[in-house]
N, C-alpha and C. Protein backbone atom coordinates (compact mmCIF):
# COMPACT_ATOMS: atom_id res chain seq x y z
N MET A 1 145.91 128.92 93.19
CA MET A 1 146.87 127.86 92.83
C MET A 1 146.78 127.63 91.15
N LYS A 2 145.59 127.51 90.90
CA LYS A 2 145.42 127.33 89.20
C LYS A 2 146.08 128.50 88.59
N ARG A 3 145.84 129.70 89.11
CA ARG A 3 146.35 131.03 88.60
C ARG A 3 147.82 130.96 88.47
N ILE A 4 148.53 130.40 89.42
CA ILE A 4 149.87 130.50 89.49
C ILE A 4 150.29 129.52 88.52
N LEU A 5 149.67 128.42 88.27
CA LEU A 5 150.21 127.26 87.41
C LEU A 5 149.76 127.89 85.94
N THR A 6 148.85 128.58 85.65
CA THR A 6 148.58 129.26 84.45
C THR A 6 149.79 130.20 84.10
N ILE A 7 150.08 131.15 85.00
CA ILE A 7 151.13 132.05 84.66
C ILE A 7 152.41 131.45 84.40
N SER A 8 152.76 130.32 85.30
CA SER A 8 154.17 129.58 85.02
C SER A 8 154.04 129.02 83.69
N ALA A 9 152.81 128.40 83.25
CA ALA A 9 152.64 127.73 81.97
C ALA A 9 152.97 128.83 80.68
N LEU A 10 152.25 129.88 80.85
CA LEU A 10 152.46 131.04 79.98
C LEU A 10 153.86 131.51 79.86
N MET A 11 154.69 131.57 80.98
CA MET A 11 155.98 132.06 81.04
C MET A 11 156.88 131.03 80.31
N LEU A 12 156.52 129.65 80.46
CA LEU A 12 157.33 128.80 79.85
C LEU A 12 157.39 128.54 78.40
N VAL A 13 155.90 129.02 77.87
CA VAL A 13 155.82 129.00 76.39
C VAL A 13 156.30 130.20 75.85
N ALA A 14 156.32 131.28 76.62
CA ALA A 14 156.84 132.56 75.94
C ALA A 14 158.45 132.39 76.07
N SER A 15 158.96 131.69 76.91
CA SER A 15 160.59 131.37 76.96
C SER A 15 160.66 130.59 75.90
N ILE A 16 160.19 129.41 75.56
CA ILE A 16 160.48 128.61 74.33
C ILE A 16 160.16 129.34 73.10
N ALA A 17 159.38 130.27 72.83
CA ALA A 17 159.25 130.83 71.75
C ALA A 17 160.19 131.98 71.41
N PHE A 18 160.71 132.48 72.63
CA PHE A 18 161.87 133.52 72.51
C PHE A 18 163.04 132.75 72.06
N SER A 19 163.21 131.56 72.61
CA SER A 19 164.44 130.78 72.24
C SER A 19 164.42 130.37 70.64
N GLN A 20 163.37 130.01 70.25
CA GLN A 20 163.09 129.49 68.80
C GLN A 20 163.24 130.60 68.01
N GLN A 21 162.85 131.94 68.24
CA GLN A 21 163.04 133.04 67.62
C GLN A 21 164.46 133.52 67.46
N ASN A 22 165.21 133.47 68.36
CA ASN A 22 166.71 133.64 68.53
C ASN A 22 167.47 132.80 67.74
N ALA A 23 167.02 131.47 67.55
CA ALA A 23 167.65 130.46 66.75
C ALA A 23 167.35 130.93 65.36
N VAL A 24 166.19 131.31 65.05
CA VAL A 24 165.95 131.56 63.73
C VAL A 24 166.76 132.77 63.09
N ILE A 25 166.90 133.85 64.05
CA ILE A 25 167.57 135.00 63.86
C ILE A 25 168.97 134.67 63.46
N GLY A 26 169.70 133.70 64.44
CA GLY A 26 170.85 133.23 64.31
C GLY A 26 171.09 132.50 62.91
N ASN A 27 170.34 131.79 62.46
CA ASN A 27 170.42 131.05 61.19
C ASN A 27 170.42 131.94 60.11
N VAL A 28 169.54 132.89 60.16
CA VAL A 28 169.12 133.90 59.02
C VAL A 28 170.54 134.69 59.13
N SER A 29 171.29 135.06 60.16
CA SER A 29 172.22 135.95 60.31
C SER A 29 173.44 135.01 59.54
N SER A 30 173.62 133.73 59.93
CA SER A 30 174.71 132.94 59.46
C SER A 30 174.55 132.94 57.77
N ARG A 31 173.47 132.80 57.41
CA ARG A 31 173.36 132.62 55.88
C ARG A 31 173.47 133.90 55.12
N ALA A 32 173.06 135.17 55.78
CA ALA A 32 173.21 136.34 55.38
C ALA A 32 174.76 136.53 55.23
N LYS A 33 175.49 136.10 56.24
CA LYS A 33 177.07 136.22 56.37
C LYS A 33 177.71 135.51 55.23
N ALA A 34 177.03 134.24 55.00
CA ALA A 34 177.78 133.36 54.01
C ALA A 34 177.43 134.08 52.50
N MET A 35 176.35 134.58 52.37
CA MET A 35 175.97 135.12 51.09
C MET A 35 176.92 136.47 50.71
N ARG A 36 177.13 137.15 51.77
CA ARG A 36 177.99 138.26 51.57
C ARG A 36 179.44 137.85 51.48
N MET A 37 179.86 136.90 51.98
CA MET A 37 181.41 136.44 51.81
C MET A 37 181.28 135.95 50.29
N MET A 38 180.47 135.35 49.87
CA MET A 38 180.34 134.97 48.51
C MET A 38 180.61 136.15 47.52
N ASN A 39 180.03 137.20 47.83
CA ASN A 39 180.39 138.45 46.82
C ASN A 39 181.78 138.91 47.13
N PHE A 40 182.50 138.61 48.06
CA PHE A 40 183.99 138.84 48.21
C PHE A 40 184.88 138.00 47.69
N SER A 41 184.29 136.82 47.34
CA SER A 41 185.26 135.53 46.91
C SER A 41 186.21 135.92 45.71
N ARG A 42 187.23 135.51 45.55
CA ARG A 42 188.21 135.61 44.38
C ARG A 42 187.72 134.69 43.23
N PRO A 43 187.62 135.19 41.97
CA PRO A 43 186.92 134.52 40.86
C PRO A 43 187.74 133.19 40.47
N GLU A 44 189.08 133.09 40.82
CA GLU A 44 189.92 131.94 40.32
C GLU A 44 189.59 130.85 41.22
N TYR A 45 188.81 130.93 42.41
CA TYR A 45 188.58 129.88 43.13
C TYR A 45 187.00 129.27 42.82
N GLN A 46 186.41 130.14 41.89
CA GLN A 46 184.96 129.44 41.53
C GLN A 46 184.15 129.06 42.58
N ILE A 47 184.07 129.89 43.72
CA ILE A 47 183.24 129.43 44.88
C ILE A 47 181.77 129.31 44.51
N LYS A 48 181.11 128.45 44.70
CA LYS A 48 179.85 128.16 44.47
C LYS A 48 178.77 128.29 45.59
N ASP A 49 179.30 128.01 46.79
CA ASP A 49 178.58 128.15 48.02
C ASP A 49 179.29 128.10 49.21
N ILE A 50 178.67 128.80 50.38
CA ILE A 50 179.52 129.00 51.59
C ILE A 50 178.53 128.49 52.70
N LYS A 51 178.95 128.02 53.70
CA LYS A 51 178.01 127.56 54.92
C LYS A 51 178.83 127.86 56.10
N VAL A 52 178.20 128.66 56.89
CA VAL A 52 178.65 129.05 58.22
C VAL A 52 177.88 128.55 59.25
N TYR A 53 178.54 127.85 60.26
CA TYR A 53 177.86 127.26 61.39
C TYR A 53 178.80 127.18 62.55
N THR A 54 178.45 127.96 63.67
CA THR A 54 179.09 128.12 64.93
C THR A 54 180.41 128.67 64.47
N ASP A 55 181.52 127.80 64.75
CA ASP A 55 182.75 128.05 64.73
C ASP A 55 183.63 127.61 63.27
N THR A 56 182.59 127.17 62.39
CA THR A 56 183.22 126.49 61.16
C THR A 56 182.61 127.25 59.91
N MET A 57 183.46 127.52 58.87
CA MET A 57 183.01 128.09 57.78
C MET A 57 183.55 126.96 56.61
N THR A 58 182.38 126.78 55.78
CA THR A 58 182.68 125.68 54.71
C THR A 58 182.60 126.45 53.41
N VAL A 59 183.51 126.25 52.67
CA VAL A 59 183.71 126.98 51.28
C VAL A 59 183.61 125.78 50.13
N TYR A 60 182.65 125.92 49.24
CA TYR A 60 182.72 124.90 48.23
C TYR A 60 183.27 125.58 46.90
N SER A 61 184.21 124.94 46.25
CA SER A 61 185.07 125.53 45.10
C SER A 61 185.18 124.68 44.18
N LEU A 62 185.15 125.08 43.02
CA LEU A 62 185.36 124.34 41.74
C LEU A 62 186.80 124.41 41.09
N ALA A 63 187.67 125.00 41.83
CA ALA A 63 188.95 125.25 41.56
C ALA A 63 189.93 123.99 41.60
N ASN A 64 190.88 123.74 40.51
CA ASN A 64 191.59 122.64 40.60
C ASN A 64 192.58 122.69 41.91
N GLN A 65 192.91 123.76 42.24
CA GLN A 65 194.06 123.97 43.51
C GLN A 65 193.45 123.18 44.65
N VAL A 66 192.16 123.17 44.93
CA VAL A 66 191.53 122.26 45.91
C VAL A 66 191.84 120.73 45.86
N ILE A 67 191.86 120.27 44.56
CA ILE A 67 192.10 118.81 44.29
C ILE A 67 193.56 118.56 44.45
N TYR A 68 194.42 119.62 43.77
CA TYR A 68 195.85 119.45 43.80
C TYR A 68 196.52 120.51 44.44
N PRO A 69 196.54 120.60 45.86
CA PRO A 69 196.87 121.64 46.75
C PRO A 69 198.54 121.72 46.39
N PHE A 70 199.31 120.77 45.90
CA PHE A 70 200.65 120.82 45.77
C PHE A 70 201.05 120.96 44.19
N GLY A 71 199.99 121.21 43.49
CA GLY A 71 200.11 121.36 42.03
C GLY A 71 199.97 119.64 41.37
N GLU A 72 200.16 119.85 40.11
CA GLU A 72 199.94 118.50 39.46
C GLU A 72 201.35 117.89 38.89
N TRP A 73 201.35 116.49 39.48
CA TRP A 73 202.79 116.07 39.00
C TRP A 73 202.35 114.58 38.46
N ASP A 74 203.29 114.17 37.61
CA ASP A 74 203.31 113.00 36.91
C ASP A 74 203.87 111.64 37.78
N SER A 75 204.84 112.03 38.63
CA SER A 75 205.32 110.96 39.40
C SER A 75 205.60 111.46 40.90
N ILE A 76 205.84 110.52 41.72
CA ILE A 76 206.26 110.75 43.04
C ILE A 76 207.57 111.27 43.12
N GLU A 77 208.23 110.74 42.37
CA GLU A 77 209.90 111.15 42.23
C GLU A 77 210.03 112.73 41.79
N TYR A 78 209.29 112.86 40.88
CA TYR A 78 209.24 114.24 40.24
C TYR A 78 208.73 115.26 41.39
N PHE A 79 207.77 114.92 42.10
CA PHE A 79 207.27 115.83 43.08
C PHE A 79 208.29 116.15 44.19
N MET A 80 208.93 114.88 44.73
CA MET A 80 210.09 114.92 45.56
C MET A 80 211.17 115.77 45.30
N THR A 81 211.59 115.71 43.86
CA THR A 81 212.64 116.26 43.44
C THR A 81 212.38 117.93 43.29
N ASN A 82 211.36 118.37 43.01
CA ASN A 82 211.02 119.61 42.80
C ASN A 82 210.32 120.38 44.01
N ASN A 83 209.92 119.71 45.02
CA ASN A 83 209.37 120.27 46.20
C ASN A 83 210.31 121.07 47.04
N LYS A 84 211.51 120.85 46.96
CA LYS A 84 212.61 121.48 47.74
C LYS A 84 212.69 121.26 49.21
N LEU A 85 212.03 120.20 49.75
CA LEU A 85 211.97 119.95 51.06
C LEU A 85 212.37 118.39 51.03
N HIS A 86 213.03 117.99 52.23
CA HIS A 86 213.40 116.53 52.38
C HIS A 86 212.15 115.82 53.10
N TRP A 87 211.77 114.81 52.19
CA TRP A 87 210.58 113.98 52.68
C TRP A 87 211.26 112.58 52.94
N TYR A 88 210.67 111.79 54.06
CA TYR A 88 210.97 110.28 54.24
C TYR A 88 209.74 109.69 53.51
N ARG A 89 210.33 108.79 52.70
CA ARG A 89 209.26 108.10 51.89
C ARG A 89 209.06 106.65 52.36
N GLU A 90 207.84 106.09 52.54
CA GLU A 90 207.25 104.97 53.08
C GLU A 90 206.33 104.34 51.95
N SER A 91 206.60 103.18 51.32
CA SER A 91 205.63 102.63 50.47
C SER A 91 204.95 101.56 50.96
N GLY A 92 203.67 101.21 50.43
CA GLY A 92 202.82 100.15 51.06
C GLY A 92 201.66 99.96 49.92
N TYR A 93 200.81 99.00 50.41
CA TYR A 93 199.63 98.77 49.48
C TYR A 93 198.24 98.93 50.19
N ARG A 94 197.29 99.34 49.65
CA ARG A 94 195.99 99.33 50.13
C ARG A 94 194.96 98.91 49.24
N GLN A 95 193.99 98.30 49.76
CA GLN A 95 192.93 97.68 49.05
C GLN A 95 192.08 98.53 48.40
N ALA A 96 191.80 98.55 46.98
CA ALA A 96 190.96 99.19 46.16
C ALA A 96 189.44 98.81 46.20
N PHE A 97 188.64 99.66 45.68
CA PHE A 97 187.17 99.34 45.73
C PHE A 97 186.84 97.92 45.12
N ASP A 98 187.77 97.52 44.07
CA ASP A 98 187.46 96.44 43.43
C ASP A 98 188.32 95.24 43.95
N SER A 99 188.72 95.42 45.14
CA SER A 99 189.61 94.35 45.86
C SER A 99 191.04 94.17 45.46
N SER A 100 191.32 94.83 44.31
CA SER A 100 192.85 94.81 44.04
C SER A 100 193.64 95.68 44.82
N GLU A 101 195.10 95.41 45.00
CA GLU A 101 195.73 96.33 45.69
C GLU A 101 196.40 97.57 45.03
N VAL A 102 196.67 98.67 45.55
CA VAL A 102 197.03 99.80 45.10
C VAL A 102 198.24 100.43 45.70
N SER A 103 199.29 100.62 45.31
CA SER A 103 200.52 101.21 45.86
C SER A 103 200.27 102.71 46.24
N VAL A 104 200.58 102.89 47.50
CA VAL A 104 200.51 104.16 48.14
C VAL A 104 201.52 104.46 48.66
N ASN A 105 202.18 105.82 48.49
CA ASN A 105 203.31 106.29 49.15
C ASN A 105 202.86 107.38 50.26
N ARG A 106 203.56 107.10 51.24
CA ARG A 106 203.24 108.09 52.39
C ARG A 106 204.66 108.85 52.43
N LEU A 107 204.65 110.25 52.22
CA LEU A 107 205.87 111.16 52.59
C LEU A 107 205.67 111.68 53.96
N ARG A 108 206.72 111.71 54.64
CA ARG A 108 206.58 112.08 55.98
C ARG A 108 207.89 113.07 56.41
N ARG A 109 207.33 114.28 57.10
CA ARG A 109 208.39 115.08 57.67
C ARG A 109 208.96 114.70 59.09
N LEU A 110 209.89 115.40 59.54
CA LEU A 110 210.48 114.89 60.99
C LEU A 110 209.26 115.03 61.92
N ASP A 111 208.40 116.05 61.90
CA ASP A 111 207.35 116.39 62.86
C ASP A 111 205.97 115.61 62.70
N ASP A 112 206.38 114.56 61.72
CA ASP A 112 205.03 113.66 61.53
C ASP A 112 204.01 114.30 60.62
N SER A 113 204.42 115.41 60.15
CA SER A 113 203.45 115.86 58.94
C SER A 113 203.57 114.97 57.78
N TYR A 114 202.66 114.58 56.98
CA TYR A 114 202.52 113.59 56.03
C TYR A 114 201.65 113.73 54.92
N LEU A 115 202.00 113.10 53.94
CA LEU A 115 201.00 113.26 52.68
C LEU A 115 200.85 111.80 52.15
N ASP A 116 199.67 111.25 51.81
CA ASP A 116 199.55 109.96 51.38
C ASP A 116 199.10 110.15 49.67
N LEU A 117 199.99 109.56 48.90
CA LEU A 117 199.86 109.81 47.40
C LEU A 117 199.86 108.47 46.69
N PHE A 118 199.24 108.52 45.72
CA PHE A 118 199.00 107.36 44.67
C PHE A 118 199.01 107.78 43.27
N TYR A 119 199.48 107.02 42.40
CA TYR A 119 199.41 107.31 40.88
C TYR A 119 198.00 106.74 40.31
N SER A 120 197.17 107.67 39.73
CA SER A 120 196.15 107.21 39.03
C SER A 120 196.32 106.95 37.75
N ILE A 121 195.74 105.68 37.23
CA ILE A 121 195.97 105.19 35.94
C ILE A 121 194.88 106.09 34.86
N TRP A 122 193.94 106.57 35.71
CA TRP A 122 192.76 107.34 34.88
C TRP A 122 193.18 108.78 34.68
N THR A 123 193.73 109.40 35.62
CA THR A 123 194.18 110.92 35.36
C THR A 123 195.49 110.92 34.89
N ARG A 124 196.35 109.94 35.08
CA ARG A 124 197.73 109.96 34.78
C ARG A 124 198.42 110.95 35.72
N LYS A 125 198.09 111.16 36.80
CA LYS A 125 198.72 112.13 37.83
C LYS A 125 198.90 111.56 39.04
N ILE A 126 199.74 112.20 39.78
CA ILE A 126 199.74 111.83 41.36
C ILE A 126 198.61 112.43 42.13
N GLU A 127 197.75 111.46 42.62
CA GLU A 127 196.57 112.00 43.52
C GLU A 127 196.69 112.08 45.05
N LEU A 128 196.05 112.81 45.78
CA LEU A 128 196.41 112.92 47.02
C LEU A 128 195.31 112.21 47.93
N LEU A 129 195.47 111.23 48.59
CA LEU A 129 194.60 110.48 49.38
C LEU A 129 194.35 111.11 50.74
N GLY A 130 195.37 111.91 51.46
CA GLY A 130 195.02 112.42 52.66
C GLY A 130 196.48 113.13 53.16
N GLY A 131 196.39 113.70 54.22
CA GLY A 131 197.52 114.49 54.73
C GLY A 131 197.36 115.33 55.97
N TYR A 132 198.39 115.40 56.77
CA TYR A 132 198.37 116.41 57.87
C TYR A 132 199.66 117.13 57.80
N ILE A 133 199.35 118.42 57.86
CA ILE A 133 200.70 119.30 57.85
C ILE A 133 200.68 120.25 58.98
N ALA A 134 201.70 120.27 59.66
CA ALA A 134 201.89 121.09 60.92
C ALA A 134 203.14 121.84 60.66
N ASP A 135 203.96 121.41 59.82
CA ASP A 135 205.34 121.92 59.43
C ASP A 135 205.15 123.25 58.66
N ARG A 136 205.90 124.17 59.30
CA ARG A 136 205.69 125.52 58.70
C ARG A 136 206.31 125.54 57.35
N GLU A 137 207.37 124.82 57.20
CA GLU A 137 208.05 124.84 55.85
C GLU A 137 207.34 124.26 54.76
N VAL A 138 206.22 123.57 55.01
CA VAL A 138 205.43 122.80 53.86
C VAL A 138 204.42 123.89 53.51
N THR A 139 204.50 124.32 52.29
CA THR A 139 203.62 125.26 51.77
C THR A 139 202.68 124.79 50.43
N LEU A 140 201.50 125.01 50.55
CA LEU A 140 200.59 124.72 49.39
C LEU A 140 200.84 125.63 48.26
N ILE A 141 200.41 125.21 47.11
CA ILE A 141 200.80 125.92 45.93
C ILE A 141 200.08 127.42 45.92
N ASN A 142 199.09 127.58 46.78
CA ASN A 142 198.49 128.79 47.02
C ASN A 142 199.18 129.81 47.96
N GLY A 143 200.38 129.22 48.62
CA GLY A 143 201.09 129.97 49.48
C GLY A 143 200.78 129.83 50.85
N ILE A 144 199.79 129.16 51.28
CA ILE A 144 199.20 128.80 52.63
C ILE A 144 200.23 127.81 53.26
N HIS A 145 200.49 128.00 54.56
CA HIS A 145 201.31 127.13 55.32
C HIS A 145 201.06 127.38 56.91
N PRO A 146 201.38 126.25 57.52
CA PRO A 146 200.96 126.48 59.17
C PRO A 146 201.82 127.73 59.72
N GLY A 147 201.27 128.41 60.69
CA GLY A 147 201.81 129.57 61.15
C GLY A 147 201.33 130.85 60.46
N MET A 148 200.86 130.85 59.47
CA MET A 148 200.15 131.93 58.62
C MET A 148 199.11 132.45 59.61
N SER A 149 199.01 133.86 59.45
CA SER A 149 197.90 134.45 60.24
C SER A 149 196.58 134.13 59.49
N LYS A 150 195.50 134.20 60.36
CA LYS A 150 194.29 133.83 59.85
C LYS A 150 193.70 134.80 58.75
N ASP A 151 194.05 136.18 58.92
CA ASP A 151 193.72 137.11 57.94
C ASP A 151 194.37 136.87 56.70
N ASP A 152 195.49 136.42 56.67
CA ASP A 152 196.31 136.17 55.26
C ASP A 152 195.68 134.80 54.73
N VAL A 153 195.31 133.84 55.37
CA VAL A 153 194.59 132.63 54.91
C VAL A 153 193.39 132.92 54.18
N PHE A 154 192.50 133.88 54.97
CA PHE A 154 191.24 134.22 54.40
C PHE A 154 191.42 135.17 53.02
N LYS A 155 192.46 135.91 53.09
CA LYS A 155 192.74 136.75 51.92
C LYS A 155 193.11 136.03 50.58
N VAL A 156 193.60 134.66 50.82
CA VAL A 156 193.93 133.91 49.69
C VAL A 156 192.45 133.48 48.94
N PHE A 157 191.37 133.48 49.66
CA PHE A 157 190.02 133.02 49.18
C PHE A 157 189.15 134.25 48.82
N PHE A 158 189.28 135.10 49.58
CA PHE A 158 188.36 136.44 49.47
C PHE A 158 189.19 137.68 49.26
N LYS A 159 188.67 138.76 48.39
CA LYS A 159 189.42 139.93 48.06
C LYS A 159 189.30 140.80 49.27
N LYS A 160 188.17 140.79 49.98
CA LYS A 160 188.11 141.65 51.18
C LYS A 160 186.93 141.00 52.02
N TYR A 161 186.76 141.29 53.07
CA TYR A 161 185.49 140.69 54.12
C TYR A 161 185.62 141.46 55.43
N PRO A 162 184.50 141.67 55.83
CA PRO A 162 184.49 142.34 57.33
C PRO A 162 185.16 141.36 58.28
N LYS A 163 186.11 141.73 59.19
CA LYS A 163 186.88 140.91 60.06
C LYS A 163 185.92 140.24 61.06
N SER A 164 184.74 140.98 61.37
CA SER A 164 183.73 140.27 62.25
C SER A 164 183.14 139.10 61.99
N TYR A 165 183.31 138.79 60.53
CA TYR A 165 182.87 137.65 59.99
C TYR A 165 183.52 136.43 60.16
N THR A 166 184.72 136.64 60.43
CA THR A 166 185.68 135.43 60.61
C THR A 166 186.29 135.43 62.08
N ALA A 167 185.84 136.40 62.86
CA ALA A 167 186.47 136.56 64.37
C ALA A 167 186.21 135.12 64.94
N GLU A 168 185.07 134.51 65.01
CA GLU A 168 184.69 133.46 65.74
C GLU A 168 185.25 131.99 64.99
N VAL A 169 185.49 132.12 63.76
CA VAL A 169 185.80 130.91 62.96
C VAL A 169 187.19 130.43 63.40
N THR A 170 187.20 129.01 63.87
CA THR A 170 188.35 128.38 64.20
C THR A 170 188.77 127.35 63.18
N VAL A 171 187.80 127.00 62.26
CA VAL A 171 188.05 126.04 61.39
C VAL A 171 187.44 126.43 59.71
N LEU A 172 188.29 126.55 58.86
CA LEU A 172 187.81 126.73 57.51
C LEU A 172 187.98 125.43 56.68
N LYS A 173 186.94 125.08 55.97
CA LYS A 173 186.86 123.92 55.23
C LYS A 173 186.90 124.33 53.73
N VAL A 174 187.72 124.08 52.92
CA VAL A 174 187.54 124.31 51.43
C VAL A 174 187.35 123.05 50.70
N VAL A 175 186.14 122.90 50.18
CA VAL A 175 185.89 121.51 49.67
C VAL A 175 185.59 121.56 48.23
N SER A 176 186.09 120.52 47.47
CA SER A 176 186.01 120.56 45.90
C SER A 176 184.67 120.42 45.49
N GLY A 177 184.24 120.76 44.31
CA GLY A 177 182.95 120.64 43.79
C GLY A 177 182.31 119.54 43.93
N ALA A 178 182.92 118.24 43.51
CA ALA A 178 182.38 116.87 43.85
C ALA A 178 182.50 116.32 45.18
N ASN A 179 182.98 117.17 46.22
CA ASN A 179 183.17 116.75 47.48
C ASN A 179 184.15 115.74 47.66
N GLU A 180 185.15 115.65 46.64
CA GLU A 180 186.19 114.53 46.61
C GLU A 180 187.41 114.88 47.56
N VAL A 181 187.65 116.17 47.73
CA VAL A 181 188.67 116.69 48.56
C VAL A 181 188.30 117.80 49.52
N ALA A 182 188.77 117.63 50.74
CA ALA A 182 188.42 118.86 51.66
C ALA A 182 189.85 119.29 52.25
N GLU A 183 190.13 120.50 52.11
CA GLU A 183 191.33 120.89 52.87
C GLU A 183 190.75 121.79 53.99
N ILE A 184 191.37 121.23 55.18
CA ILE A 184 190.76 121.69 56.55
C ILE A 184 191.62 122.50 57.17
N TYR A 185 191.51 123.83 57.41
CA TYR A 185 192.36 124.70 57.84
C TYR A 185 191.97 124.98 59.57
N THR A 186 192.72 124.71 60.40
CA THR A 186 192.51 124.90 61.82
C THR A 186 193.33 125.84 62.50
N PHE A 187 192.63 126.96 62.97
CA PHE A 187 193.28 128.07 63.63
C PHE A 187 193.46 128.03 65.29
N LYS A 188 194.34 128.54 65.70
CA LYS A 188 194.41 128.68 67.04
C LYS A 188 194.77 130.18 67.36
N GLY A 189 193.81 130.87 67.94
CA GLY A 189 193.94 132.28 68.07
C GLY A 189 193.90 132.95 66.60
N THR A 190 194.88 133.74 66.32
CA THR A 190 194.92 134.28 65.06
C THR A 190 196.00 133.64 63.98
N LYS A 191 196.49 132.36 64.35
CA LYS A 191 197.52 131.63 63.63
C LYS A 191 196.73 130.45 62.97
N LEU A 192 197.36 129.87 61.74
CA LEU A 192 196.95 128.81 61.26
C LEU A 192 197.72 127.75 62.09
N ARG A 193 197.07 126.77 62.70
CA ARG A 193 197.76 125.82 63.53
C ARG A 193 198.32 124.61 62.68
N HIS A 194 197.20 124.04 61.76
CA HIS A 194 197.70 123.00 60.81
C HIS A 194 196.56 122.69 59.92
N ILE A 195 196.99 122.11 58.94
CA ILE A 195 196.22 121.72 57.67
C ILE A 195 195.86 120.24 57.53
N LYS A 196 194.63 119.82 57.36
CA LYS A 196 194.35 118.42 57.21
C LYS A 196 193.65 118.17 55.95
N ILE A 197 194.10 117.20 55.19
CA ILE A 197 193.49 116.98 53.90
C ILE A 197 192.83 115.64 53.97
N GLU A 198 191.42 115.58 53.56
CA GLU A 198 190.76 114.36 53.67
C GLU A 198 190.07 114.29 52.16
N THR A 199 190.16 113.13 51.55
CA THR A 199 189.51 112.75 50.32
C THR A 199 188.47 111.56 50.56
N SER A 200 187.58 111.47 49.65
CA SER A 200 186.77 110.35 49.45
C SER A 200 186.94 109.50 48.16
N TYR A 201 188.23 109.44 47.78
CA TYR A 201 188.56 108.83 46.49
C TYR A 201 188.40 107.36 46.76
N LYS A 202 188.03 106.61 45.57
CA LYS A 202 188.34 105.18 45.52
C LYS A 202 189.81 105.09 44.92
N TYR A 203 190.47 104.16 45.32
CA TYR A 203 191.86 103.77 44.94
C TYR A 203 191.86 103.33 43.44
N TYR A 204 192.42 103.66 42.75
CA TYR A 204 192.62 103.44 41.22
C TYR A 204 193.86 103.04 40.93
C-alpha cells in the first residue's frame, strides 16, 4: 500500500513539474516572438516594446499617430468640416481633476460609433478622450478602418512578419509611450471587427 502511495506521489510531482516546464517554455516562446516582431516594426511608429499574451499583442509606440489617430486639429468644427463624414454632435460637460467642468463633445455616427473630444488649453489642440468605431467608413489617419483584413492592419505597423505569429491574435493594442492613449483593434476571424480608443487623460 505504501509503495502504491509513493508511486502516486512521484507521478503527481512529475506531472506538476512537466506543467511548470511547459509554462516556462510558453513564456519564453511568447517573449521570443515579441522580440522578433520588434525587428520587423516600421521605424515611423518608434515601437519600443511588444508583449504577447495568449490572444493579445500589445505594442508600445512613441509615435504621435497613436495619440492623434485622426490627425491634429485646432477645433471640433474644423475636424467635422474636413473629415468628409456626417457626424451627429452632442455637447456636454464632465468634471475635471480639479473639480472644474470641461466641455466635451461626442461625435456619433448612425451605427453608434462615436468619438469623445475636448479642446485642451495646454496643447491648444483637440484631444481624444475615447471612442468606439465599428463603421467601415470611419478611417484613421494611418488608413485603418473596420472591415480591413488582419494582415493589412498588421502591415501598417510591421514591414513583414511570420503569419503564424499573428494567427491566434484576436486583439491588437497599440499604446502610446506614456500610456495615455490605447488603440484597441479587435478581430473576428481574419477581419477587423471594431476599434476602441481608451485614454487616461485628466480633463483640462
